[in-house]
Protein backbone atom coordinates (compact mmCIF):
# COMPACT_ATOMS: atom_id res chain seq x y z
CA MET A 1 96.98 -45.05 -98.43
CA ASP A 2 94.04 -42.95 -99.54
CA SER A 3 91.78 -45.99 -99.12
CA ILE A 4 92.92 -46.47 -95.57
CA ASN A 5 92.26 -42.78 -94.76
CA THR A 6 88.78 -42.99 -96.27
CA GLN A 7 87.90 -46.04 -94.17
CA TYR A 8 89.28 -44.36 -91.08
CA ALA A 9 87.17 -41.25 -91.68
CA SER A 10 84.02 -43.33 -92.16
CA GLY A 11 84.68 -45.22 -88.94
CA GLY A 12 85.21 -41.98 -87.03
CA GLU A 13 81.93 -40.54 -88.22
CA LEU A 14 80.16 -43.71 -87.12
CA ILE A 15 81.71 -43.53 -83.69
CA ILE A 16 80.73 -39.87 -83.32
CA GLY A 17 77.11 -40.65 -84.36
CA LEU A 18 76.87 -43.46 -81.88
CA ALA A 19 78.23 -41.23 -79.16
CA LEU A 20 75.65 -38.53 -79.91
CA MET A 21 72.78 -41.04 -79.84
CA LEU A 22 74.00 -42.37 -76.51
CA MET A 23 74.12 -38.86 -75.06
CA VAL A 24 70.55 -38.13 -76.22
CA ALA A 25 69.27 -41.39 -74.74
CA VAL A 26 70.95 -40.67 -71.43
CA GLY A 27 69.49 -37.16 -71.42
CA LEU A 28 65.96 -38.39 -72.07
CA ALA A 29 66.27 -41.00 -69.36
CA GLY A 30 67.38 -38.32 -66.97
CA CYS A 31 64.40 -36.14 -67.84
CA ASP A 32 61.99 -39.05 -67.27
CA ALA A 33 63.58 -39.81 -63.95
CA ARG A 34 63.33 -36.17 -62.86
CA GLY A 35 59.67 -36.03 -64.01
CA GLU A 36 58.77 -39.12 -62.04
CA GLN A 37 60.61 -37.76 -59.04
CA GLU A 38 58.82 -34.39 -59.28
CA GLN A 39 55.47 -36.15 -59.69
CA ALA A 40 56.19 -38.28 -56.66
CA GLN A 41 57.05 -35.15 -54.70
CA MET A 42 53.75 -33.25 -55.64
CA PRO A 43 51.63 -32.67 -52.51
CA PRO A 44 48.05 -34.03 -52.39
CA PRO A 45 45.39 -31.47 -53.42
CA ALA A 46 43.80 -29.39 -50.69
CA VAL A 47 40.06 -29.99 -50.26
CA LYS A 48 37.42 -29.01 -47.73
CA VAL A 49 35.45 -31.77 -46.07
CA ALA A 50 32.44 -31.82 -43.75
CA LYS A 51 30.90 -34.51 -41.61
CA VAL A 52 27.58 -36.03 -42.61
CA LEU A 53 24.87 -34.63 -40.34
CA ASP A 54 22.25 -36.72 -38.58
CA ASP A 55 19.47 -34.29 -37.63
CA PRO A 56 15.66 -34.08 -37.45
CA VAL A 57 14.05 -32.54 -40.51
CA THR A 58 10.68 -31.38 -41.77
CA LEU A 59 9.64 -32.40 -45.26
CA TRP A 60 7.64 -29.79 -47.17
CA ASP A 61 5.36 -29.69 -50.20
CA ASP A 62 5.29 -26.53 -52.29
CA PHE A 63 2.31 -24.73 -53.83
CA THR A 64 1.39 -21.46 -55.51
CA GLY A 65 -0.90 -19.13 -53.61
CA ARG A 66 -2.46 -15.70 -53.93
CA VAL A 67 -2.45 -12.88 -51.39
CA ALA A 68 -5.80 -11.44 -50.27
CA ALA A 69 -6.82 -8.76 -47.81
CA PRO A 70 -8.92 -9.94 -44.84
CA GLU A 71 -11.05 -6.80 -45.25
CA THR A 72 -11.93 -5.08 -48.52
CA VAL A 73 -14.34 -2.14 -48.65
CA ASP A 74 -15.87 -0.45 -51.69
CA LEU A 75 -16.54 2.93 -50.11
CA ARG A 76 -19.84 4.54 -51.15
CA PRO A 77 -21.67 7.52 -49.62
CA ARG A 78 -24.76 7.07 -47.46
CA VAL A 79 -26.21 10.42 -48.54
CA SER A 80 -26.30 12.19 -51.87
CA GLY A 81 -24.59 15.47 -52.61
CA TYR A 82 -21.69 17.22 -54.25
CA ILE A 83 -18.18 16.37 -53.08
CA ASP A 84 -16.83 19.36 -51.17
CA LYS A 85 -13.45 17.93 -50.11
CA VAL A 86 -11.18 14.91 -50.64
CA SER A 87 -9.25 14.49 -47.39
CA PHE A 88 -6.70 11.78 -48.15
CA GLU A 89 -3.77 11.04 -50.43
CA GLU A 90 -4.31 8.23 -52.88
CA GLY A 91 -2.51 5.07 -51.82
CA GLU A 92 -1.81 6.19 -48.26
CA LEU A 93 -2.49 4.25 -45.08
CA VAL A 94 -5.61 5.43 -43.26
CA GLU A 95 -6.95 4.66 -39.82
CA GLN A 96 -10.44 3.53 -38.98
CA GLY A 97 -12.59 6.64 -38.53
CA ASP A 98 -10.47 8.97 -40.68
CA VAL A 99 -12.50 11.39 -42.83
CA LEU A 100 -11.82 10.63 -46.49
CA PHE A 101 -14.53 12.65 -48.30
CA VAL A 102 -16.77 15.54 -47.26
CA ILE A 103 -20.10 16.09 -49.02
CA ASP A 104 -21.58 19.61 -49.10
CA GLN A 105 -23.09 19.94 -45.61
CA ARG A 106 -25.20 23.08 -46.05
CA PRO A 107 -28.48 21.45 -47.08
CA TYR A 108 -28.13 18.86 -44.35
CA ARG A 109 -27.48 21.47 -41.67
CA ALA A 110 -30.64 23.26 -42.80
CA ARG A 111 -32.62 20.04 -42.55
CA GLU A 112 -31.24 19.48 -39.06
CA ARG A 113 -32.38 22.95 -37.95
CA ALA A 114 -35.82 22.41 -39.47
CA ALA A 115 -36.14 19.06 -37.72
CA ALA A 116 -35.08 20.63 -34.43
CA ALA A 117 -37.77 23.33 -34.84
CA ASP A 118 -40.41 20.72 -35.65
CA LEU A 119 -39.44 18.82 -32.51
CA ALA A 120 -39.73 21.95 -30.36
CA GLN A 121 -43.20 22.61 -31.75
CA ALA A 122 -44.25 19.01 -31.20
CA ARG A 123 -43.06 19.08 -27.61
CA SER A 124 -45.02 22.28 -26.97
CA GLN A 125 -48.18 20.78 -28.42
CA TYR A 126 -47.68 17.66 -26.36
CA GLN A 127 -47.30 19.65 -23.14
CA LEU A 128 -50.52 21.56 -23.96
CA ALA A 129 -52.41 18.36 -24.76
CA LYS A 130 -51.07 16.75 -21.61
CA SER A 131 -52.26 19.66 -19.44
CA GLU A 132 -55.73 19.64 -21.01
CA ALA A 133 -56.02 15.90 -20.51
CA SER A 134 -55.00 16.22 -16.85
CA ARG A 135 -57.54 19.02 -16.30
CA ALA A 136 -60.24 17.02 -18.05
CA GLU A 137 -59.55 14.08 -15.73
CA ARG A 138 -60.36 16.24 -12.68
CA LEU A 139 -63.40 17.80 -14.31
CA VAL A 140 -64.93 14.53 -15.39
CA ALA A 141 -64.58 13.25 -11.81
CA SER A 142 -66.77 16.16 -10.62
CA ARG A 143 -69.03 15.75 -13.63
CA ALA A 144 -68.16 19.23 -14.86
CA ILE A 145 -67.55 17.90 -18.37
CA SER A 146 -68.90 14.96 -20.24
CA ARG A 147 -67.14 11.67 -20.60
CA GLU A 148 -66.97 12.27 -24.33
CA GLU A 149 -65.04 15.52 -23.84
CA TYR A 150 -62.60 13.76 -21.54
CA ASP A 151 -61.97 11.04 -24.12
CA ARG A 152 -61.36 13.65 -26.79
CA ARG A 153 -58.73 15.44 -24.71
CA ALA A 154 -57.01 12.18 -23.72
CA SER A 155 -56.83 11.13 -27.39
CA ALA A 156 -55.36 14.53 -28.31
CA MET A 157 -52.60 13.99 -25.73
CA VAL A 158 -51.74 10.57 -27.18
CA SER A 159 -51.61 12.02 -30.71
CA ALA A 160 -49.40 14.87 -29.54
CA ARG A 161 -47.01 12.43 -27.87
CA ALA A 162 -46.81 10.36 -31.07
CA ALA A 163 -46.12 13.52 -33.10
CA MET A 164 -43.36 14.44 -30.64
CA ASN A 165 -41.76 11.00 -30.98
CA ALA A 166 -41.90 11.29 -34.76
CA ALA A 167 -40.24 14.70 -34.59
CA GLU A 168 -37.49 13.27 -32.38
CA ALA A 169 -36.88 10.51 -34.92
CA ALA A 170 -36.82 13.04 -37.76
CA LEU A 171 -34.21 15.10 -35.91
CA GLU A 172 -32.11 11.99 -35.27
CA THR A 173 -32.30 11.12 -38.99
CA ALA A 174 -31.30 14.65 -39.95
CA ARG A 175 -28.33 14.50 -37.60
CA LEU A 176 -27.28 11.12 -39.02
CA ASP A 177 -27.51 12.47 -42.57
CA LEU A 178 -25.36 15.42 -41.53
CA GLU A 179 -22.86 13.03 -39.94
CA TYR A 180 -22.84 10.92 -43.10
CA THR A 181 -21.69 13.91 -45.13
CA GLU A 182 -18.27 13.10 -43.64
CA VAL A 183 -17.42 9.81 -45.33
CA ARG A 184 -15.09 7.97 -42.93
CA SER A 185 -12.92 4.92 -43.34
CA PRO A 186 -14.62 1.89 -41.76
CA ILE A 187 -11.31 -0.01 -41.47
CA THR A 188 -7.62 0.58 -40.97
CA GLY A 189 -5.87 -0.07 -44.26
CA ARG A 190 -4.59 1.37 -47.51
CA ALA A 191 -6.74 3.64 -49.64
CA GLY A 192 -6.93 3.25 -53.38
CA ARG A 193 -7.53 5.81 -56.10
CA ALA A 194 -10.13 8.53 -55.53
CA MET A 195 -12.83 7.70 -58.07
CA VAL A 196 -14.69 11.00 -57.51
CA THR A 197 -13.07 14.40 -57.15
CA ARG A 198 -14.20 17.70 -55.67
CA GLY A 199 -17.29 19.22 -57.26
CA ASN A 200 -18.77 15.98 -58.59
CA LEU A 201 -22.12 14.54 -57.58
CA ALA A 202 -22.11 11.40 -55.44
CA ASN A 203 -25.34 9.41 -55.17
CA ALA A 204 -26.18 7.60 -51.96
CA ASP A 205 -25.30 3.87 -51.99
CA GLN A 206 -24.33 4.04 -55.68
CA THR A 207 -21.24 6.12 -56.43
CA LEU A 208 -17.94 4.35 -55.74
CA LEU A 209 -15.64 6.80 -53.97
CA THR A 210 -12.58 4.61 -53.38
CA THR A 211 -11.56 1.10 -52.35
CA LEU A 212 -9.92 0.24 -49.03
CA VAL A 213 -7.97 -2.91 -48.17
CA SER A 214 -6.60 -3.98 -44.82
CA VAL A 215 -2.83 -4.41 -44.76
CA ASP A 216 -1.70 -6.24 -41.64
CA PRO A 217 -2.12 -9.17 -41.45
CA VAL A 218 -2.94 -10.61 -44.88
CA TYR A 219 -4.35 -13.92 -46.09
CA VAL A 220 -2.62 -16.27 -48.51
CA TYR A 221 -4.98 -18.74 -50.20
CA PHE A 222 -3.57 -21.85 -51.85
CA GLU A 223 -4.84 -25.18 -53.15
CA SER A 224 -3.41 -28.50 -51.96
CA ASP A 225 -3.90 -31.79 -53.74
CA SER A 226 -5.53 -34.57 -51.77
CA ASP A 227 -2.30 -36.62 -51.57
CA SER A 228 -0.42 -33.78 -49.89
CA TYR A 229 -3.27 -33.29 -47.47
CA VAL A 230 -3.32 -36.99 -46.58
CA ARG A 231 0.47 -36.98 -46.04
CA GLY A 232 0.35 -34.01 -43.72
CA ARG A 233 -3.03 -34.44 -42.05
CA GLU A 234 -1.48 -35.24 -38.66
CA LEU A 235 0.56 -32.04 -38.76
CA LEU A 236 -2.41 -30.05 -40.05
CA GLY A 237 -4.50 -31.20 -37.10
CA SER A 238 -2.29 -29.27 -34.67
CA SER A 239 -4.36 -27.16 -32.32
CA GLU A 240 -2.00 -24.19 -32.38
CA GLY A 241 -2.07 -23.87 -36.18
CA THR A 242 0.29 -25.29 -38.76
CA GLU A 243 3.21 -23.09 -39.78
CA VAL A 244 3.79 -22.48 -43.47
CA ARG A 245 6.74 -20.86 -45.22
CA ILE A 246 6.11 -18.20 -47.86
CA GLY A 247 8.21 -16.48 -50.49
CA LEU A 248 7.38 -13.77 -53.01
CA SER A 249 8.60 -13.29 -56.55
CA GLY A 250 12.17 -12.04 -56.56
CA GLU A 251 12.92 -13.37 -53.08
CA ASN A 252 15.30 -16.21 -52.35
CA GLY A 253 13.82 -19.12 -50.47
CA TYR A 254 10.89 -18.74 -48.11
CA PRO A 255 11.73 -15.92 -45.68
CA HIS A 256 8.18 -15.32 -44.39
CA ARG A 257 6.16 -17.37 -41.91
CA GLY A 258 2.43 -17.77 -41.51
CA LYS A 259 -0.09 -20.07 -39.86
CA VAL A 260 -2.95 -22.01 -41.41
CA ASP A 261 -6.19 -20.76 -39.88
CA PHE A 262 -8.70 -22.27 -42.30
CA ILE A 263 -9.05 -25.53 -44.25
CA ASP A 264 -12.08 -25.97 -46.47
CA ASN A 265 -14.53 -28.68 -45.44
CA ARG A 266 -14.54 -30.47 -48.80
CA LEU A 267 -12.44 -31.10 -51.88
CA ASN A 268 -13.14 -29.28 -55.13
CA ALA A 269 -14.74 -32.00 -57.25
CA SER A 270 -13.46 -30.57 -60.54
CA THR A 271 -9.82 -30.06 -59.50
CA GLY A 272 -9.43 -32.57 -56.68
CA THR A 273 -7.86 -29.90 -54.48
CA LEU A 274 -8.53 -28.57 -51.01
CA GLN A 275 -8.33 -24.86 -50.22
CA PHE A 276 -6.12 -23.63 -47.40
CA ARG A 277 -5.74 -20.17 -45.93
CA ALA A 278 -2.72 -18.89 -44.05
CA VAL A 279 -2.53 -15.73 -41.96
CA VAL A 280 0.72 -13.85 -42.54
CA PRO A 281 2.00 -10.80 -40.61
CA ASN A 282 2.59 -7.85 -42.94
CA PRO A 283 3.89 -4.94 -40.85
CA ASP A 284 5.93 -3.44 -43.69
CA GLY A 285 3.22 -3.84 -46.33
CA ARG A 286 5.37 -6.09 -48.50
CA PHE A 287 2.41 -8.32 -49.37
CA LYS A 288 -0.15 -6.80 -51.75
CA PRO A 289 -3.64 -8.20 -52.40
CA GLY A 290 -3.70 -10.15 -55.66
CA GLN A 291 0.02 -10.91 -55.52
CA PHE A 292 1.24 -14.45 -56.22
CA ALA A 293 3.21 -16.23 -53.50
CA ARG A 294 5.14 -19.46 -53.17
CA VAL A 295 3.93 -21.54 -50.23
CA GLU A 296 5.47 -24.53 -48.49
CA LEU A 297 3.23 -26.75 -46.39
CA PRO A 298 4.75 -29.32 -43.99
CA ALA A 299 4.16 -32.86 -45.18
CA GLU A 300 6.13 -34.97 -42.71
CA ARG A 301 8.50 -34.66 -39.77
CA LEU A 302 11.46 -37.04 -39.56
CA ASP A 303 13.16 -37.59 -36.21
CA THR A 304 16.47 -38.25 -37.96
CA ALA A 305 17.90 -37.85 -41.46
CA LEU A 306 21.35 -37.81 -43.05
CA LEU A 307 22.18 -34.41 -44.55
CA ILE A 308 25.00 -33.16 -46.76
CA ASP A 309 25.81 -29.94 -48.57
CA SER A 310 24.38 -29.96 -52.08
CA LYS A 311 27.82 -28.93 -53.40
CA ALA A 312 29.14 -32.33 -52.35
CA LEU A 313 26.63 -34.18 -54.54
CA LEU A 314 27.81 -35.08 -58.05
CA THR A 315 25.92 -36.62 -60.96
CA ASP A 316 27.11 -39.22 -63.46
CA GLN A 317 24.32 -39.80 -65.99
CA ASN A 318 21.49 -41.09 -63.79
CA ARG A 319 23.65 -41.85 -60.76
CA ARG A 320 24.48 -39.55 -57.88
CA TYR A 321 27.66 -39.88 -55.88
CA VAL A 322 30.02 -38.17 -53.45
CA TYR A 323 33.68 -38.46 -52.57
CA VAL A 324 34.24 -39.81 -49.06
CA VAL A 325 37.59 -39.19 -47.33
CA ASP A 326 38.73 -42.07 -45.10
CA ASP A 327 41.03 -42.07 -42.08
CA GLU A 328 44.08 -42.29 -44.37
CA ASN A 329 42.93 -39.13 -46.17
CA LYS A 330 42.18 -40.95 -49.40
CA ALA A 331 39.13 -39.94 -51.42
CA SER A 332 36.89 -42.69 -52.73
CA ARG A 333 33.76 -42.43 -54.81
CA ARG A 334 30.49 -43.49 -53.13
CA ASN A 335 27.12 -43.82 -54.89
CA VAL A 336 24.23 -42.43 -52.83
CA ASP A 337 20.44 -42.29 -52.91
CA ALA A 338 19.61 -38.57 -52.64
CA GLY A 339 16.23 -37.19 -51.62
CA ARG A 340 14.80 -33.71 -51.17
CA THR A 341 16.81 -30.49 -51.15
CA VAL A 342 16.47 -26.95 -49.82
CA ASP A 343 18.77 -24.30 -48.39
CA GLY A 344 21.72 -26.21 -49.79
CA LEU A 345 21.10 -29.39 -47.77
CA VAL A 346 20.26 -32.76 -49.31
CA VAL A 347 18.61 -35.69 -47.55
CA ILE A 348 20.60 -38.88 -48.18
CA ARG A 349 18.42 -41.95 -47.97
CA ASP A 350 21.21 -44.51 -48.49
CA GLY A 351 24.96 -44.72 -49.09
CA LEU A 352 26.43 -42.73 -46.20
CA LYS A 353 26.81 -42.98 -42.44
CA PRO A 354 26.63 -40.23 -39.82
CA GLY A 355 29.96 -38.54 -39.22
CA GLU A 356 31.62 -39.65 -42.46
CA ARG A 357 33.67 -36.95 -44.16
CA VAL A 358 32.61 -35.90 -47.65
CA ILE A 359 34.32 -33.39 -49.91
CA VAL A 360 32.28 -30.18 -50.12
CA ASN A 361 34.83 -27.95 -51.85
CA GLY A 362 37.66 -28.83 -54.22
CA VAL A 363 36.14 -32.02 -55.56
CA GLN A 364 37.28 -31.02 -59.06
CA LYS A 365 40.85 -31.71 -57.92
CA VAL A 366 40.10 -35.39 -57.37
CA PHE A 367 40.72 -37.34 -60.58
CA MET A 368 40.22 -40.89 -59.41
CA SER A 369 39.02 -42.99 -56.51
CA GLY A 370 41.72 -43.71 -53.93
CA MET A 371 43.60 -40.48 -54.60
CA PRO A 372 45.24 -38.93 -51.50
CA VAL A 373 43.99 -35.49 -50.48
CA ALA A 374 44.81 -32.85 -47.86
CA PRO A 375 41.45 -32.29 -46.11
CA THR A 376 40.39 -29.29 -44.06
CA LEU A 377 37.34 -29.89 -41.86
CA VAL A 378 34.54 -27.31 -42.14
CA GLU A 379 30.93 -27.22 -40.97
CA MET A 380 28.19 -28.59 -43.21
CA ARG A 381 26.84 -25.02 -43.74
CA ALA A 382 25.76 -22.63 -41.02
CA ALA A 383 22.13 -23.48 -41.80
CA ALA A 384 22.74 -26.96 -40.43
CA THR A 385 23.24 -25.65 -36.89
CA LYS A 386 19.45 -25.23 -36.70
CA GLU A 387 16.75 -27.74 -37.52
CA PRO A 388 16.86 -28.03 -41.31
CA GLU A 389 13.68 -27.60 -43.30
CA VAL A 390 13.58 -29.67 -46.44
CA ALA A 391 11.36 -28.85 -49.38
CA ALA A 392 9.45 -30.86 -51.93
CA THR A 393 11.11 -33.17 -54.39
CA PRO A 394 12.07 -31.25 -57.55
């Protein structure tokens, strides 16, 4: 009897174990089914797409240039003397004709008065000599005086007139010297540091008083290699002047515009480059002489080019590709041949067609080609509403 009970107990335990295993298996199968169902019910990822643009573009080459002032003046006095007054603030903008320095005028006023007195005396002597010569002319006609006396009086009149002319010139020189004691700005521009202060001696044509530079406009000089010049020679031959784009250190992109007004007539034999000069408006004084600038020179104009947002372009080792969304809203990978880039726009040489939709935002949600997505159409950047300007190849 005990044996039968033992066998019965063992069989019951086996049945219970089998039942538990069956319940676990059923539970796991249910979980898998629910997981597959939930996965099947997951919505496609939301992405933003934009249509490939087909617009005209300008291709640019970039260079490094240096800012220069069209006019630079090392201001020196025309007369010698002690500085009596400095009439400007260092670094301020001055107008043409503004008085910047005043040299002690007292000795020059005295010289002017002396020259004026000498002129008055010379005029008096000339009038006397002129009267005597006129009287001698009448007397010699009546033979009251000799011909020799007449010649002497006529010569005295000529000498007196020459002395009067010399006195007039001396007075004019004295007045100029007095005028030169006020050292004026010959240009409109920005003054530098005052090199001589009040009470110091300034020698004519020697002592540097300050330096002046014109401010608006400015020049930007840059060197172009011969290949870039050859590529853009048709554009550079434009009669109204070729536009260049300019950016300074710390600025994004090329926010300033200028026009080429000078191209050197020969290449530099040692560097193989050609010098260009652009004129750039500078009303706010942002450009400073000697400053470095980034310059873009147009190389080629294309009537049409395919453009996409640079955020849509992906890289896989040495290949570049995008995800194109078809009419069924499925994303597929497409290899492309990408060209130059600027302002977030990339020229696509091959691999896309105008109007095709490419993913520009949310591409990280696409795990494989053929995956369904939920696209939202956006513009291919606001910059694309105008004619894009495309820079040099990086």
